[in-house]
C-alpha atoms as a PDB file:
ATOM      1  CA  LEU A   1     -55.349-181.164 -66.875  1.00  0.00           C
ATOM      2  CA  TYR A   2     -57.817-180.919 -64.023  1.00  0.00           C
ATOM      3  CA  ARG A   3     -60.453-183.029 -65.776  1.00  0.00           C
ATOM      4  CA  LEU A   4     -57.882-185.680 -66.667  1.00  0.00           C
ATOM      5  CA  ARG A   5     -56.479-185.901 -63.232  1.00  0.00           C
ATOM      6  CA  ARG A   6     -60.065-186.190 -61.687  1.00  0.00           C
ATOM      7  CA  ARG A   7     -60.824-189.046 -64.032  1.00  0.00           C
ATOM      8  CA  ARG A   8     -57.706-190.657 -62.630  1.00  0.00           C
ATOM      9  CA  GLY A   9     -58.848-190.019 -59.098  1.00  0.00           C
ATOM     10  CA  ALA A  10     -56.547-187.004 -58.409  1.00  0.00           C
ATOM     11  CA  LYS A  11     -58.522-183.902 -57.287  1.00  0.00           C
ATOM     12  CA  VAL A  12     -56.304-181.096 -58.302  1.00  0.00           C
ATOM     13  CA  LEU A  13     -52.696-180.585 -59.603  1.00  0.00           C
ATOM     14  CA  ASP A  14     -49.882-180.887 -56.969  1.00  0.00           C
ATOM     15  CA  ILE A  15     -48.256-178.075 -55.466  1.00  0.00           C
ATOM     16  CA  PRO A  16     -44.672-177.859 -56.787  1.00  0.00           C
ATOM     17  CA  ARG A  17     -41.793-178.042 -54.153  1.00  0.00           C
ATOM     18  CA  LEU A  18     -38.265-176.893 -54.864  1.00  0.00           C
ATOM     19  CA  PRO A  19     -35.025-176.973 -52.875  1.00  0.00           C
ATOM     20  CA  ALA A  20     -33.160-173.880 -51.638  1.00  0.00           C
ATOM     21  CA  THR A  21     -30.654-174.521 -54.503  1.00  0.00           C
ATOM     22  CA  ALA A  22     -33.408-173.669 -57.104  1.00  0.00           C
ATOM     23  CA  SER A  23     -32.741-170.920 -59.605  1.00  0.00           C
ATOM     24  CA  PRO A  24     -35.078-167.949 -60.040  1.00  0.00           C
ATOM     25  CA  GLU A  25     -36.104-169.247 -63.458  1.00  0.00           C
ATOM     26  CA  ASP A  26     -37.108-172.534 -61.820  1.00  0.00           C
ATOM     27  CA  VAL A  27     -39.302-170.682 -59.324  1.00  0.00           C
ATOM     28  CA  ALA A  28     -40.860-168.391 -61.920  1.00  0.00           C
ATOM     29  CA  ARG A  29     -41.745-171.306 -64.135  1.00  0.00           C
ATOM     30  CA  ALA A  30     -43.529-173.096 -61.279  1.00  0.00           C
ATOM     31  CA  VAL A  31     -45.471-170.136 -60.392  1.00  0.00           C
ATOM     32  CA  MET A  32     -46.564-169.519 -64.082  1.00  0.00           C
ATOM     33  CA  ALA A  33     -47.524-173.339 -64.525  1.00  0.00           C
ATOM     34  CA  ARG A  34     -49.253-173.940 -61.279  1.00  0.00           C
ATOM     35  CA  GLY A  35     -49.799-170.631 -59.586  1.00  0.00           C
ATOM     36  CA  VAL A  36     -48.010-171.574 -56.486  1.00  0.00           C
ATOM     37  CA  VAL A  37     -44.628-173.094 -55.450  1.00  0.00           C
ATOM     38  CA  VAL A  38     -42.895-173.895 -52.110  1.00  0.00           C
ATOM     39  CA  ILE A  39     -39.096-173.597 -51.585  1.00  0.00           C
ATOM     40  CA  GLU A  40     -38.198-175.699 -48.685  1.00  0.00           C
ATOM     41  CA  ARG A  41     -35.969-174.658 -45.882  1.00  0.00           C
ATOM     42  CA  LEU A  42     -34.559-171.541 -47.788  1.00  0.00           C
ATOM     43  CA  ILE A  43     -33.714-169.666 -44.322  1.00  0.00           C
ATOM     44  CA  PRO A  44     -32.092-171.059 -41.319  1.00  0.00           C
ATOM     45  CA  GLU A  45     -34.618-171.880 -38.508  1.00  0.00           C
ATOM     46  CA  ALA A  46     -32.841-169.618 -36.013  1.00  0.00           C
ATOM     47  CA  LEU A  47     -33.310-166.590 -38.267  1.00  0.00           C
ATOM     48  CA  MET A  48     -37.081-167.267 -38.249  1.00  0.00           C
ATOM     49  CA  ASP A  49     -36.986-167.554 -34.376  1.00  0.00           C
ATOM     50  CA  SER A  50     -35.133-164.137 -34.212  1.00  0.00           C
ATOM     51  CA  MET A  51     -37.860-162.381 -36.305  1.00  0.00           C
ATOM     52  CA  VAL A  52     -40.668-163.943 -34.044  1.00  0.00           C
ATOM     53  CA  GLU A  53     -38.559-162.625 -30.939  1.00  0.00           C
ATOM     54  CA  GLU A  54     -38.341-159.212 -32.534  1.00  0.00           C
ATOM     55  CA  LEU A  55     -41.924-158.985 -33.250  1.00  0.00           C
ATOM     56  CA  ALA A  56     -43.239-160.630 -30.013  1.00  0.00           C
ATOM     57  CA  SER A  57     -43.447-157.219 -28.130  1.00  0.00           C
ATOM     58  CA  ALA A  58     -44.803-155.251 -30.986  1.00  0.00           C
ATOM     59  CA  GLN A  59     -47.955-153.207 -30.135  1.00  0.00           C
ATOM     60  CA  GLY A  60     -50.880-152.424 -32.364  1.00  0.00           C
ATOM     61  CA  LYS A  61     -51.768-156.167 -33.223  1.00  0.00           C
ATOM     62  CA  PHE A  62     -55.266-157.060 -33.831  1.00  0.00           C
ATOM     63  CA  HIS A  63     -57.687-159.929 -34.654  1.00  0.00           C
ATOM     64  CA  GLY A  64     -60.608-160.003 -37.043  1.00  0.00           C
ATOM     65  CA  ALA A  65     -64.171-159.837 -36.020  1.00  0.00           C
ATOM     66  CA  VAL A  66     -65.941-163.224 -35.515  1.00  0.00           C
ATOM     67  CA  GLY A  67     -66.680-164.651 -38.827  1.00  0.00           C
ATOM     68  CA  SER A  68     -64.653-162.003 -40.899  1.00  0.00           C
ATOM     69  CA  PHE A  69     -62.405-162.455 -43.768  1.00  0.00           C
ATOM     70  CA  ALA A  70     -59.452-161.650 -41.415  1.00  0.00           C
ATOM     71  CA  GLY A  71     -60.320-164.352 -38.940  1.00  0.00           C
ATOM     72  CA  HIS A  72     -60.972-163.914 -35.204  1.00  0.00           C
ATOM     73  CA  HIS A  73     -58.296-166.382 -34.138  1.00  0.00           C
ATOM     74  CA  THR A  74     -55.783-164.712 -36.474  1.00  0.00           C
ATOM     75  CA  LEU A  75     -53.366-162.058 -34.911  1.00  0.00           C
ATOM     76  CA  ARG A  76     -52.063-159.578 -37.520  1.00  0.00           C
ATOM     77  CA  ASN A  77     -49.327-156.970 -37.246  1.00  0.00           C
ATOM     78  CA  ALA A  78     -49.792-154.892 -40.497  1.00  0.00           C
ATOM     79  CA  CYS A  79     -47.376-153.021 -42.409  1.00  0.00           C
ATOM     80  CA  LYS A  80     -44.975-151.932 -39.453  1.00  0.00           C
ATOM     81  CA  PRO A  81     -43.211-155.231 -39.086  1.00  0.00           C
ATOM     82  CA  LEU A  82     -40.928-153.779 -41.915  1.00  0.00           C
ATOM     83  CA  GLY A  83     -39.622-151.359 -39.468  1.00  0.00           C
ATOM     84  CA  GLU A  84     -39.845-153.346 -36.353  1.00  0.00           C
ATOM     85  CA  SER A  85     -37.812-156.440 -37.663  1.00  0.00           C
ATOM     86  CA  LYS A  86     -34.347-156.536 -39.013  1.00  0.00           C
ATOM     87  CA  VAL A  87     -34.931-160.043 -40.215  1.00  0.00           C
ATOM     88  CA  ALA A  88     -38.211-158.921 -41.928  1.00  0.00           C
ATOM     89  CA  GLN A  89     -36.042-156.285 -43.839  1.00  0.00           C
ATOM     90  CA  GLU A  90     -33.615-159.068 -45.112  1.00  0.00           C
ATOM     91  CA  LEU A  91     -36.498-161.295 -46.131  1.00  0.00           C
ATOM     92  CA  ALA A  92     -37.993-158.548 -48.160  1.00  0.00           C
ATOM     93  CA  LEU A  93     -34.882-158.513 -50.231  1.00  0.00           C
ATOM     94  CA  GLN A  94     -34.030-162.300 -50.287  1.00  0.00           C
ATOM     95  CA  PRO A  95     -32.217-162.668 -53.507  1.00  0.00           C
ATOM     96  CA  LEU A  96     -33.810-165.884 -54.846  1.00  0.00           C
ATOM     97  CA  VAL A  97     -37.183-164.805 -54.087  1.00  0.00           C
ATOM     98  CA  LEU A  98     -36.840-161.260 -55.232  1.00  0.00           C
ATOM     99  CA  SER A  99     -35.359-162.191 -58.415  1.00  0.00           C
ATOM    100  CA  ALA A 100     -38.253-164.678 -59.078  1.00  0.00           C
ATOM    101  CA  VAL A 101     -40.741-162.053 -58.206  1.00  0.00           C
ATOM    102  CA  GLU A 102     -38.904-159.526 -60.742  1.00  0.00           C
ATOM    103  CA  LYS A 103     -39.030-162.199 -63.521  1.00  0.00           C
ATOM    104  CA  LEU A 104     -42.702-162.573 -63.122  1.00  0.00           C
ATOM    105  CA  LEU A 105     -43.733-159.012 -62.856  1.00  0.00           C
ATOM    106  CA  LYS A 106     -41.150-156.989 -64.746  1.00  0.00           C
ATOM    107  CA  PRO A 107     -42.695-157.815 -68.191  1.00  0.00           C
ATOM    108  CA  TRP A 108     -45.457-155.648 -67.087  1.00  0.00           C
ATOM    109  CA  CYS A 109     -43.823-152.717 -65.478  1.00  0.00           C
ATOM    110  CA  LYS A 110     -40.497-150.859 -65.155  1.00  0.00           C
ATOM    111  CA  ARG A 111     -40.282-151.346 -61.374  1.00  0.00           C
ATOM    112  CA  VAL A 112     -41.708-153.627 -58.749  1.00  0.00           C
ATOM    113  CA  ILE A 113     -42.820-152.416 -55.263  1.00  0.00           C
ATOM    114  CA  LEU A 114     -43.438-154.166 -51.987  1.00  0.00           C
ATOM    115  CA  GLY A 115     -47.145-153.329 -51.341  1.00  0.00           C
ATOM    116  CA  THR A 116     -47.811-155.446 -48.348  1.00  0.00           C
ATOM    117  CA  CYS A 117     -46.217-156.686 -45.095  1.00  0.00           C
ATOM    118  CA  SER A 118     -48.090-158.387 -42.513  1.00  0.00           C
ATOM    119  CA  ALA A 119     -46.953-160.700 -39.571  1.00  0.00           C
ATOM    120  CA  ILE A 120     -49.737-163.128 -39.293  1.00  0.00           C
ATOM    121  CA  SER A 121     -50.162-165.526 -36.312  1.00  0.00           C
ATOM    122  CA  VAL A 122     -53.019-168.301 -36.463  1.00  0.00           C
ATOM    123  CA  GLU A 123     -53.807-169.175 -32.984  1.00  0.00           C
ATOM    124  CA  ALA A 124     -55.223-172.348 -31.338  1.00  0.00           C
ATOM    125  CA  PRO A 125     -58.979-171.856 -30.355  1.00  0.00           C
ATOM    126  CA  PRO A 126     -59.432-171.094 -26.604  1.00  0.00           C
ATOM    127  CA  ASP A 127     -60.980-173.501 -24.456  1.00  0.00           C
ATOM    128  CA  GLY A 128     -64.638-173.784 -25.000  1.00  0.00           C
ATOM    129  CA  GLU A 129     -64.566-172.319 -28.426  1.00  0.00           C
ATOM    130  CA  PRO A 130     -64.676-174.186 -31.782  1.00  0.00           C
ATOM    131  CA  PRO A 131     -61.841-173.505 -34.268  1.00  0.00           C
ATOM    132  CA  ALA A 132     -62.322-170.407 -36.495  1.00  0.00           C
ATOM    133  CA  PRO A 133     -63.307-171.616 -39.974  1.00  0.00           C
ATOM    134  CA  ALA A 134     -60.777-171.805 -42.822  1.00  0.00           C
ATOM    135  CA  GLN A 135     -60.537-168.589 -44.723  1.00  0.00           C
ATOM    136  CA  VAL A 136     -62.647-168.208 -47.932  1.00  0.00           C
ATOM    137  CA  LEU A 137     -60.625-168.969 -51.017  1.00  0.00           C
ATOM    138  CA  HIS A 138     -59.740-165.745 -52.812  1.00  0.00           C
ATOM    139  CA  ARG A 139     -57.374-164.025 -55.229  1.00  0.00           C
ATOM    140  CA  ASP A 140     -55.003-161.253 -54.004  1.00  0.00           C
ATOM    141  CA  GLY A 141     -55.036-159.785 -57.234  1.00  0.00           C
ATOM    142  CA  SER A 142     -58.850-158.945 -56.807  1.00  0.00           C
ATOM    143  CA  MET A 143     -57.631-155.870 -54.810  1.00  0.00           C
ATOM    144  CA  TRP A 144     -57.353-154.247 -58.303  1.00  0.00           C
ATOM    145  CA  GLY A 145     -60.001-153.883 -60.999  1.00  0.00           C
ATOM    146  CA  ALA A 146     -57.643-154.952 -63.872  1.00  0.00           C
ATOM    147  CA  SER A 147     -57.472-158.477 -62.414  1.00  0.00           C
ATOM    148  CA  GLY A 148     -60.888-159.248 -64.118  1.00  0.00           C
ATOM    149  CA  TRP A 149     -59.414-158.886 -67.633  1.00  0.00           C
ATOM    150  CA  PRO A 150     -60.890-161.890 -69.333  1.00  0.00           C
ATOM    151  CA  PHE A 151     -58.100-162.853 -71.757  1.00  0.00           C
ATOM    152  CA  GLU A 152     -55.415-164.781 -70.097  1.00  0.00           C
ATOM    153  CA  SER A 153     -52.766-164.499 -72.904  1.00  0.00           C
ATOM    154  CA  SER A 154     -52.682-160.662 -72.340  1.00  0.00           C
ATOM    155  CA  ARG A 155     -53.809-160.531 -68.603  1.00  0.00           C
ATOM    156  CA  PRO A 156     -50.906-158.968 -66.581  1.00  0.00           C
ATOM    157  CA  GLU A 157     -49.487-160.594 -63.539  1.00  0.00           C
ATOM    158  CA  LEU A 158     -50.484-157.994 -60.910  1.00  0.00           C
ATOM    159  CA  SER A 159     -48.761-159.392 -57.878  1.00  0.00           C
ATOM    160  CA  ILE A 160     -46.866-162.139 -56.351  1.00  0.00           C
ATOM    161  CA  SER A 161     -47.566-163.118 -52.867  1.00  0.00           C
ATOM    162  CA  VAL A 162     -44.855-164.594 -50.557  1.00  0.00           C
ATOM    163  CA  MET A 163     -45.518-166.358 -47.276  1.00  0.00           C
ATOM    164  CA  TRP A 164     -42.487-166.998 -45.080  1.00  0.00           C
ATOM    165  CA  ALA A 165     -42.896-169.827 -42.557  1.00  0.00           C
ATOM    166  CA  ALA A 166     -41.630-168.440 -39.174  1.00  0.00           C
ATOM    167  CA  SER A 167     -42.898-171.827 -37.638  1.00  0.00           C
ATOM    168  CA  ASP A 168     -43.912-175.169 -39.088  1.00  0.00           C
ATOM    169  CA  PHE A 169     -46.912-174.999 -41.318  1.00  0.00           C
ATOM    170  CA  THR A 170     -48.841-178.193 -40.801  1.00  0.00           C
ATOM    171  CA  ALA A 171     -52.171-179.547 -41.913  1.00  0.00           C
ATOM    172  CA  GLU A 172     -53.394-179.313 -38.310  1.00  0.00           C
ATOM    173  CA  ASN A 173     -52.296-175.741 -37.665  1.00  0.00           C
ATOM    174  CA  GLY A 174     -53.969-174.302 -40.841  1.00  0.00           C
ATOM    175  CA  ALA A 175     -51.286-174.097 -43.308  1.00  0.00           C
ATOM    176  CA  THR A 176     -52.424-172.067 -46.526  1.00  0.00           C
ATOM    177  CA  ARG A 177     -54.667-173.918 -48.757  1.00  0.00           C
ATOM    178  CA  PHE A 178     -54.352-173.584 -52.601  1.00  0.00           C
ATOM    179  CA  LEU A 179     -56.133-174.553 -55.942  1.00  0.00           C
ATOM    180  CA  PRO A 180     -52.940-175.147 -57.949  1.00  0.00           C
ATOM    181  CA  GLY A 181     -53.709-174.042 -61.651  1.00  0.00           C
ATOM    182  CA  SER A 182     -56.437-171.762 -60.695  1.00  0.00           C
ATOM    183  CA  ASN A 183     -54.297-168.797 -61.915  1.00  0.00           C
ATOM    184  CA  HIS A 184     -55.464-169.947 -65.337  1.00  0.00           C
ATOM    185  CA  TRP A 185     -59.090-170.054 -64.539  1.00  0.00           C
ATOM    186  CA  GLN A 186     -61.496-167.302 -65.877  1.00  0.00           C
ATOM    187  CA  PRO A 187     -61.042-164.356 -63.392  1.00  0.00           C
ATOM    188  CA  SER A 188     -63.589-162.966 -61.127  1.00  0.00           C
ATOM    189  CA  LEU A 189     -63.740-159.510 -59.362  1.00  0.00           C
ATOM    190  CA  THR A 190     -65.411-161.108 -56.267  1.00  0.00           C
ATOM    191  CA  GLY A 191     -63.728-162.918 -53.551  1.00  0.00           C
ATOM    192  CA  TYR A 192     -61.383-160.619 -52.064  1.00  0.00           C
ATOM    193  CA  GLY A 193     -62.689-159.796 -48.542  1.00  0.00           C
ATOM    194  CA  SER A 194     -66.079-161.429 -49.241  1.00  0.00           C
ATOM    195  CA  LYS A 195     -67.658-164.189 -47.178  1.00  0.00           C
ATOM    196  CA  THR A 196     -68.389-166.423 -50.136  1.00  0.00           C
ATOM    197  CA  GLY A 197     -65.605-166.060 -52.640  1.00  0.00           C
ATOM    198  CA  PRO A 198     -65.658-166.475 -56.260  1.00  0.00           C
ATOM    199  CA  SER A 199     -67.645-169.324 -57.904  1.00  0.00           C
ATOM    200  CA  LEU A 200     -65.431-172.366 -58.886  1.00  0.00           C
ATOM    201  CA  PRO A 201     -65.558-174.234 -62.196  1.00  0.00           C
ATOM    202  CA  ALA A 202     -68.165-177.125 -62.491  1.00  0.00           C
ATOM    203  CA  GLY A 203     -66.873-180.187 -60.573  1.00  0.00           C
ATOM    204  CA  PHE A 204     -64.741-178.117 -58.071  1.00  0.00           C
ATOM    205  CA  GLN A 205     -65.182-177.201 -54.604  1.00  0.00           C
ATOM    206  CA  SER A 206     -63.129-175.381 -51.902  1.00  0.00           C
ATOM    207  CA  GLU A 207     -62.556-178.815 -50.029  1.00  0.00           C
ATOM    208  CA  ASP A 208     -60.417-179.771 -53.061  1.00  0.00           C
ATOM    209  CA  ALA A 209     -57.833-177.111 -52.079  1.00  0.00           C
ATOM    210  CA  LEU A 210     -54.431-178.494 -51.017  1.00  0.00           C
ATOM    211  CA  GLN A 211     -52.449-177.348 -48.103  1.00  0.00           C
ATOM    212  CA  ALA A 212     -48.880-176.024 -48.465  1.00  0.00           C
ATOM    213  CA  VAL A 213     -47.463-177.790 -45.578  1.00  0.00           C
ATOM    214  CA  MET A 214     -43.838-176.663 -45.097  1.00  0.00           C
ATOM    215  CA  PRO A 215     -41.299-176.674 -42.225  1.00  0.00           C
ATOM    216  CA  LYS A 216     -39.971-173.569 -40.735  1.00  0.00           C
ATOM    217  CA  GLY A 217     -37.682-171.385 -42.829  1.00  0.00           C
ATOM    218  CA  SER A 218     -39.503-172.406 -46.055  1.00  0.00           C
ATOM    219  CA  VAL A 219     -41.466-170.015 -48.247  1.00  0.00           C
ATOM    220  CA  ALA A 220     -44.476-170.079 -50.469  1.00  0.00           C
ATOM    221  CA  LEU A 221     -44.927-167.958 -53.517  1.00  0.00           C
ATOM    222  CA  TRP A 222     -48.018-167.501 -55.442  1.00  0.00           C
ATOM    223  CA  SER A 223     -49.700-165.570 -58.229  1.00  0.00           C
ATOM    224  CA  GLY A 224     -52.238-162.910 -57.399  1.00  0.00           C
ATOM    225  CA  HIS A 225     -54.665-164.934 -59.740  1.00  0.00           C
ATOM    226  CA  THR A 226     -54.310-168.028 -57.629  1.00  0.00           C
ATOM    227  CA  LEU A 227     -57.222-168.997 -55.375  1.00  0.00           C
ATOM    228  CA  HIS A 228     -55.970-169.616 -51.786  1.00  0.00           C
ATOM    229  CA  GLY A 229     -56.964-169.060 -48.072  1.00  0.00           C
ATOM    230  CA  ALA A 230     -55.746-169.788 -44.634  1.00  0.00           C
ATOM    231  CA  GLY A 231     -56.715-173.172 -43.158  1.00  0.00           C
ATOM    232  CA  SER A 232     -58.507-173.810 -39.898  1.00  0.00           C
ATOM    233  CA  TYR A 233     -56.350-174.389 -36.808  1.00  0.00           C
ATOM    234  CA  GLU A 234     -57.552-177.643 -35.250  1.00  0.00           C
ATOM    235  CA  ARG A 235     -57.928-178.065 -31.494  1.00  0.00           C
ATOM    236  CA  SER A 236     -55.952-181.216 -31.424  1.00  0.00           C
ATOM    237  CA  VAL A 237     -52.588-179.640 -32.313  1.00  0.00           C
ATOM    238  CA  THR A 238     -49.922-180.318 -29.757  1.00  0.00           C
ATOM    239  CA  PRO A 239     -48.128-178.297 -28.705  1.00  0.00           C
ATOM    240  CA  ALA A 240     -50.770-175.715 -29.405  1.00  0.00           C
ATOM    241  CA  GLY A 241     -48.537-172.840 -30.323  1.00  0.00           C
ATOM    242  CA  PRO A 242     -49.383-170.242 -32.790  1.00  0.00           C
ATOM    243  CA  ARG A 243     -48.607-170.714 -36.491  1.00  0.00           C
ATOM    244  CA  HIS A 244     -46.270-167.700 -37.305  1.00  0.00           C
ATOM    245  CA  GLY A 245     -45.964-166.393 -40.932  1.00  0.00           C
ATOM    246  CA  LEU A 246     -44.725-163.214 -42.656  1.00  0.00           C
ATOM    247  CA  LEU A 247     -46.690-162.020 -45.692  1.00  0.00           C
ATOM    248  CA  PHE A 248     -45.241-159.980 -48.418  1.00  0.00           C
ATOM    249  CA  ILE A 249     -47.150-158.948 -51.467  1.00  0.00           C
ATOM    250  CA  TYR A 250     -45.069-157.457 -54.312  1.00  0.00           C
ATOM    251  CA  ASN A 251     -46.972-155.744 -56.903  1.00  0.00           C
ATOM    252  CA  LEU A 252     -46.506-153.741 -60.250  1.00  0.00           C
ATOM    253  CA  GLY A 253     -45.212-150.354 -59.380  1.00  0.00           C
ATOM    254  CA  TRP A 254     -48.085-148.616 -61.226  1.00  0.00           C
ATOM    255  CA  LEU A 255     -50.631-150.234 -58.883  1.00  0.00           C
ATOM    256  CA  ARG A 256     -51.848-148.666 -55.618  1.00  0.00           C
ATOM    257  CA  SER A 257     -50.207-150.961 -52.783  1.00  0.00           C
ATOM    258  CA  GLU A 258     -52.412-152.255 -49.905  1.00  0.00           C
ATOM    259  CA  HIS A 259     -50.192-150.893 -47.301  1.00  0.00           C
ATOM    260  CA  ASN A 260     -48.714-147.405 -46.748  1.00  0.00           C
ATOM    261  CA  PHE A 261     -45.328-147.627 -45.060  1.00  0.00           C
ATOM    262  CA  HIS A 262     -44.731-143.813 -45.106  1.00  0.00           C
ATOM    263  CA  TRP A 263     -47.623-143.627 -42.551  1.00  0.00           C
ATOM    264  CA  ALA A 264     -46.925-146.808 -40.614  1.00  0.00           C
ATOM    265  CA  VAL A 265     -43.139-146.534 -40.009  1.00  0.00           C
ATOM    266  CA  PRO A 266     -41.449-143.479 -38.463  1.00  0.00           C
ATOM    267  CA  ARG A 267     -39.466-141.344 -40.764  1.00  0.00           C
ATOM    268  CA  ALA A 268     -36.269-141.892 -38.917  1.00  0.00           C
ATOM    269  CA  VAL A 269     -36.612-145.749 -39.283  1.00  0.00           C
ATOM    270  CA  LEU A 270     -37.526-145.377 -42.888  1.00  0.00           C
ATOM    271  CA  GLN A 271     -34.368-143.437 -43.523  1.00  0.00           C
ATOM    272  CA  SER A 272     -32.291-146.106 -41.844  1.00  0.00           C
ATOM    273  CA  LEU A 273     -33.400-148.761 -44.382  1.00  0.00           C
ATOM    274  CA  SER A 274     -31.118-149.864 -46.995  1.00  0.00           C
ATOM    275  CA  PRO A 275     -31.293-148.129 -50.393  1.00  0.00           C
ATOM    276  CA  ALA A 276     -32.576-151.312 -52.085  1.00  0.00           C
ATOM    277  CA  LEU A 277     -35.459-151.551 -49.545  1.00  0.00           C
ATOM    278  CA  LYS A 278     -36.198-147.758 -49.483  1.00  0.00           C
ATOM    279  CA  SER A 279     -36.412-148.207 -53.415  1.00  0.00           C
ATOM    280  CA  LEU A 280     -38.709-151.415 -52.951  1.00  0.00           C
ATOM    281  CA  ILE A 281     -41.258-149.345 -50.981  1.00  0.00           C
ATOM    282  CA  GLY A 282     -41.083-146.352 -53.131  1.00  0.00           C
ATOM    283  CA  LEU A 283     -39.044-144.006 -51.026  1.00  0.00           C
ATOM    284  CA  ASP A 284     -36.391-143.011 -53.643  1.00  0.00           C
ATOM    285  CA  GLY A 285     -36.271-140.073 -56.098  1.00  0.00           C
ATOM    286  CA  GLU A 286     -34.713-136.600 -55.796  1.00  0.00           C
ATOM    287  CA  ASN A 287     -35.822-132.890 -55.202  1.00  0.00           C
ATOM    288  CA  ALA A 288     -35.173-129.972 -57.251  1.00  0.00           C
ATOM    289  CA  VAL A 289     -34.630-127.710 -54.274  1.00  0.00           C
ATOM    290  CA  GLU A 290     -34.454-127.975 -50.517  1.00  0.00           C
ATOM    291  CA  HIS A 291     -37.572-127.007 -48.499  1.00  0.00           C
ATOM    292  CA  ASP A 292     -38.623-127.326 -44.962  1.00  0.00           C
ATOM    293  CA  TRP A 293     -41.871-129.371 -46.132  1.00  0.00           C
ATOM    294  CA  TYR A 294     -39.788-131.866 -48.107  1.00  0.00           C
ATOM    295  CA  THR A 295     -39.136-134.787 -45.613  1.00  0.00           C
ATOM    296  CA  GLY A 296     -38.212-137.190 -48.475  1.00  0.00           C
ATOM    297  CA  PRO A 297     -37.968-137.327 -52.333  1.00  0.00           C
ATOM    298  CA  VAL A 298     -40.788-135.640 -54.153  1.00  0.00           C
ATOM    299  CA  TYR A 299     -39.938-136.722 -57.645  1.00  0.00           C
ATOM    300  CA  ALA A 300     -41.006-140.372 -57.677  1.00  0.00           C
ATOM    301  CA  GLN A 301     -39.967-140.402 -61.413  1.00  0.00           C
ATOM    302  CA  PRO A 302     -36.631-139.000 -62.561  1.00  0.00           C
ATOM    303  CA  TYR A 303     -36.395-135.298 -62.256  1.00  0.00           C
ATOM    304  CA  LEU A 304     -35.623-133.600 -65.561  1.00  0.00           C
ATOM    305  CA  GLY A 305     -34.695-130.192 -64.698  1.00  0.00           C
ATOM    306  CA  GLY A 306     -31.178-130.822 -63.923  1.00  0.00           C
ATOM    307  CA  PRO A 307     -28.060-130.346 -66.115  1.00  0.00           C
ATOM    308  CA  GLU A 308     -27.520-132.713 -69.133  1.00  0.00           C
END
């Protein structure tokens, strides 16, 4: 398909776009086919504004170093937004998105877990500074060695990433770039966190990537095998406000997650989460006995010592 489209003058496959009325099956099919999909205007803009306001005063935010994978004009609030924002908690369980994620991941596991939660704000370059370069194209699934399994027909879908647009994502403010269809390419273990990224098939270059431009309240889902990266924030953006997004990565329950919510969110806040959300971050199970050391469920798998 890529070679055919290039002969016709098209660089890469398009990014599929679906309305908020789409079904989980529609979303899952699009991700399987192209590796990425945008669902437009799924959440009211006012709800996104509320989340940005909830997280505005949060402490512990950080920039990456100059020239780093994380980006020196990108402000991150890692892991703890799940405890700081009620809206973030709602979005983690958004029915259409979560149902699509489960359809994509459940063939490979008994349970899906939320492994990453990051509030990410890409900022305009300060006066006198050039824009930070676009992020190197990478695959989120490269966090795990199993992503290098060379046979596509039996390669598990390790993770699904979900980026909520808490402000408009435009070409000028660095909307995420994708190579649609790259989830079907030969995998590589390089690229996650590297400065060069994996090598691309002959005839392709990172400049071929398409930006997932989307209005506030929209969401992009992509496979952990899909090559993508944040765009560069151009100096000419007016008004030059940050591009706000909330990133979730859902992964197979038997994989070690990127973030550890149990250390980033106070126990009292964790206990206040809904049962569904506690289960999604692995805070469920049971104990055989009461003990002062047990501050949560010890048996992550069903306890088998109780009465029949």
